[in-house]
Protein backbone atom coordinates (compact mmCIF):
# COMPACT_ATOMS: atom_id res chain seq x y z
CA UNK A 1 0.78 -48.06 14.36
CA UNK A 2 -2.08 -46.41 12.74
CA UNK A 3 -1.22 -42.51 11.68
CA UNK A 4 -4.35 -40.53 11.95
CA UNK A 5 -2.62 -36.87 11.11
CA UNK A 6 1.06 -35.41 10.25
CA UNK A 7 1.49 -32.12 11.54
CA UNK A 8 4.04 -30.11 9.09
CA UNK A 9 6.87 -27.43 9.24
CA UNK A 10 7.10 -24.93 6.66
CA UNK A 11 10.78 -23.95 6.91
CA UNK A 12 13.33 -26.31 6.20
CA UNK A 13 10.62 -28.89 5.63
CA UNK A 14 8.09 -27.45 2.84
CA UNK A 15 10.62 -24.97 1.63
CA UNK A 16 14.45 -25.35 1.87
CA UNK A 17 14.81 -23.18 4.56
CA UNK A 18 16.06 -20.05 2.24
CA UNK A 19 13.85 -16.66 1.78
CA UNK A 20 14.23 -14.31 -0.58
CA UNK A 21 12.99 -11.00 -0.19
CA UNK A 22 12.41 -8.81 -3.68
CA UNK A 23 13.47 -4.96 -3.91
CA UNK A 24 9.79 -4.08 -2.51
CA UNK A 25 10.19 -6.44 0.30
CA UNK A 26 7.70 -9.24 -0.58
CA UNK A 27 8.70 -13.05 0.44
CA UNK A 28 9.07 -15.37 -1.89
CA UNK A 29 8.96 -19.56 -1.27
CA UNK A 30 9.28 -22.35 -3.27
CA UNK A 31 7.28 -25.70 -2.72
CA UNK A 32 7.79 -28.35 -4.56
CA UNK A 33 4.92 -30.33 -6.43
CA UNK A 34 5.79 -34.18 -4.99
CA UNK A 35 5.01 -32.84 -1.42
CA UNK A 36 1.34 -30.89 -2.63
CA UNK A 37 0.63 -34.43 -4.52
CA UNK A 38 1.71 -36.44 -1.19
CA UNK A 39 -0.33 -34.05 0.95
CA UNK A 40 -3.12 -34.81 -1.22
CA UNK A 41 -3.06 -38.45 -1.04
CA UNK A 42 -2.75 -38.21 2.64
CA UNK A 43 -5.93 -35.85 2.26
CA UNK A 44 -7.22 -39.16 0.21
CA UNK A 45 -6.54 -41.81 2.66
CA UNK A 46 -8.54 -39.69 5.58
CA UNK A 47 -5.38 -38.95 7.38
CA UNK A 48 -5.49 -34.98 9.16
CA UNK A 49 -3.00 -32.55 8.57
CA UNK A 50 -1.71 -29.42 10.20
CA UNK A 51 0.75 -26.80 9.99
CA UNK A 52 2.84 -25.26 12.53
CA UNK A 53 5.18 -22.71 11.49
CA UNK A 54 7.56 -19.95 13.56
CA UNK A 55 7.14 -17.59 11.71
CA UNK A 56 3.81 -15.77 9.47
CA UNK A 57 4.00 -15.81 5.79
CA UNK A 58 0.93 -14.78 3.49
CA UNK A 59 2.53 -17.43 1.24
CA UNK A 60 2.18 -20.30 3.39
CA UNK A 61 -1.21 -19.47 4.42
CA UNK A 62 -1.73 -19.48 0.53
CA UNK A 63 0.38 -22.69 0.04
CA UNK A 64 -2.09 -24.43 2.94
CA UNK A 65 -5.56 -22.98 1.11
CA UNK A 66 -4.24 -24.41 -2.36
CA UNK A 67 -3.75 -28.09 -0.54
CA UNK A 68 -6.73 -28.22 1.39
CA UNK A 69 -4.95 -27.66 4.55
CA UNK A 70 -6.73 -26.23 7.33
CA UNK A 71 -5.60 -26.41 10.65
CA UNK A 72 -2.33 -23.77 10.35
CA UNK A 73 -1.00 -21.98 13.21
CA UNK A 74 2.12 -19.49 12.09
CA UNK A 75 4.16 -17.13 14.43
CA UNK A 76 4.77 -19.54 16.74
CA UNK A 77 8.34 -20.52 17.77
CA UNK A 78 7.79 -22.70 20.73
CA UNK A 79 5.13 -25.02 18.89
CA UNK A 80 4.61 -27.59 21.91
CA UNK A 81 1.65 -25.23 22.90
CA UNK A 82 0.05 -25.62 20.31
CA UNK A 83 0.89 -29.43 19.72
CA UNK A 84 -0.99 -30.34 22.52
CA UNK A 85 -4.28 -27.46 21.15
CA UNK A 86 -4.36 -29.36 17.96
CA UNK A 87 -3.82 -33.34 19.83
CA UNK A 88 -6.84 -31.89 21.82
CA UNK A 89 -9.26 -30.32 18.97
CA UNK A 90 -8.85 -34.02 17.61
CA UNK A 91 -9.26 -36.05 20.14
CA UNK A 92 -5.83 -37.92 19.15
CA UNK A 93 -3.04 -40.01 21.45
CA UNK A 94 0.60 -38.76 21.02
CA UNK A 95 1.13 -42.59 19.19
CA UNK A 96 -1.27 -41.02 16.56
CA UNK A 97 0.37 -38.53 15.31
CA UNK A 98 3.61 -38.27 13.08
CA UNK A 99 5.55 -34.92 12.96
CA UNK A 100 8.62 -33.10 10.77
CA UNK A 101 10.47 -31.07 11.57
CA UNK A 102 13.50 -29.82 11.30
CA UNK A 103 15.74 -27.73 14.10
CA UNK A 104 16.32 -27.10 17.28
CA UNK A 105 12.37 -25.58 18.38
CA UNK A 106 11.40 -28.81 16.95
CA UNK A 107 12.40 -30.75 19.33
CA UNK A 108 10.11 -30.80 21.81
CA UNK A 109 7.05 -31.76 19.30
CA UNK A 110 9.63 -34.60 17.60
CA UNK A 111 9.72 -36.69 21.52
CA UNK A 112 6.27 -37.04 21.70
CA UNK A 113 4.42 -37.97 18.59
CA UNK A 114 3.97 -41.92 17.40
CA UNK A 115 6.18 -40.28 14.26
CA UNK A 116 9.30 -38.49 14.73
CA UNK A 117 10.82 -37.47 10.91
CA UNK A 118 13.31 -34.62 9.95
CA UNK A 119 14.83 -34.07 6.59
CA UNK A 120 18.17 -35.20 5.87
CA UNK A 121 19.95 -31.77 6.24
CA UNK A 122 18.74 -31.05 9.28
CA UNK A 123 21.19 -30.68 12.42
CA UNK A 124 22.61 -33.76 14.19
CA UNK A 125 21.04 -32.95 17.04
CA UNK A 126 17.63 -32.74 15.40
CA UNK A 127 17.97 -36.25 13.65
CA UNK A 128 19.00 -37.86 17.10
CA UNK A 129 15.05 -37.65 17.63
CA UNK A 130 13.82 -38.69 14.65
CA UNK A 131 12.89 -41.96 13.67
CA UNK A 132 12.52 -41.21 9.90
CA UNK A 133 15.65 -39.29 8.03
CA UNK A 134 14.51 -38.36 4.80
CA UNK A 135 16.37 -39.09 2.12
CA UNK A 136 15.55 -35.74 1.02
CA UNK A 137 16.69 -32.07 2.11
CA UNK A 138 13.94 -29.55 3.10
CA UNK A 139 12.00 -28.18 0.11
CA UNK A 140 13.15 -30.99 -2.04
CA UNK A 141 9.71 -33.80 -1.11
CA UNK A 142 10.77 -35.12 2.06
CA UNK A 143 7.11 -34.72 3.30
CA UNK A 144 5.96 -37.26 0.30
CA UNK A 145 8.48 -38.98 1.05
CA UNK A 146 7.06 -39.67 4.66
CA UNK A 147 3.62 -39.54 4.12
CA UNK A 148 4.81 -42.65 1.78
CA UNK A 149 6.17 -44.44 4.47
CA UNK A 150 3.13 -43.28 6.44
CA UNK A 151 0.54 -44.26 3.79
CA UNK A 152 2.34 -47.77 3.53
CA UNK A 153 2.51 -48.78 7.43
CA UNK A 154 -1.12 -47.95 7.77
CA UNK A 155 -1.98 -50.07 4.70
CA UNK A 156 -3.24 -47.32 2.04
CA UNK A 157 -0.82 -47.30 -0.08
CA UNK A 158 -1.85 -50.05 -2.52
CA UNK A 159 -5.30 -49.05 -2.13
CA UNK A 160 -3.98 -45.18 -3.20
CA UNK A 161 -1.88 -46.02 -6.33
CA UNK A 162 -4.02 -48.45 -7.92
CA UNK A 163 -6.36 -45.28 -8.42
CA UNK A 164 -4.09 -43.86 -10.56
CA UNK A 165 -3.15 -46.98 -12.67
CA UNK A 166 -3.88 -46.94 -16.22
């Protein structure tokens, strides 16, 4: 299996799932730098990246732009139609796609993709549909862990890591 696309949920996957508001109503989210580097490694290896999030957040938009993720869909609680749209646009079969999600609304996609994944703090019902349950909780480098697995399965890990060797 050669994964060519990784689709990620945001809240509870790229973040710890907590949503904090300032007194002026601004939203605050934290992202792990290891996930960011992992995403850059995936891009370097030629893997397409996408985000499908149930919530809309300007912060998500900014983080996606910073990491060079061009396929970003926000405000879609029901995600399967968006998944199908992305799959069709990129002309990919389900078995060439990995998805990492963390809650009930992610299950329909987890059931379809070639490499379904979730985070360690996901509900047990979600874990039942994942081939990979990362040892990390959401927002703690879980995406990086999955990307390393994908790069190793795609026989790209050594090549990518060697560019950082001294």
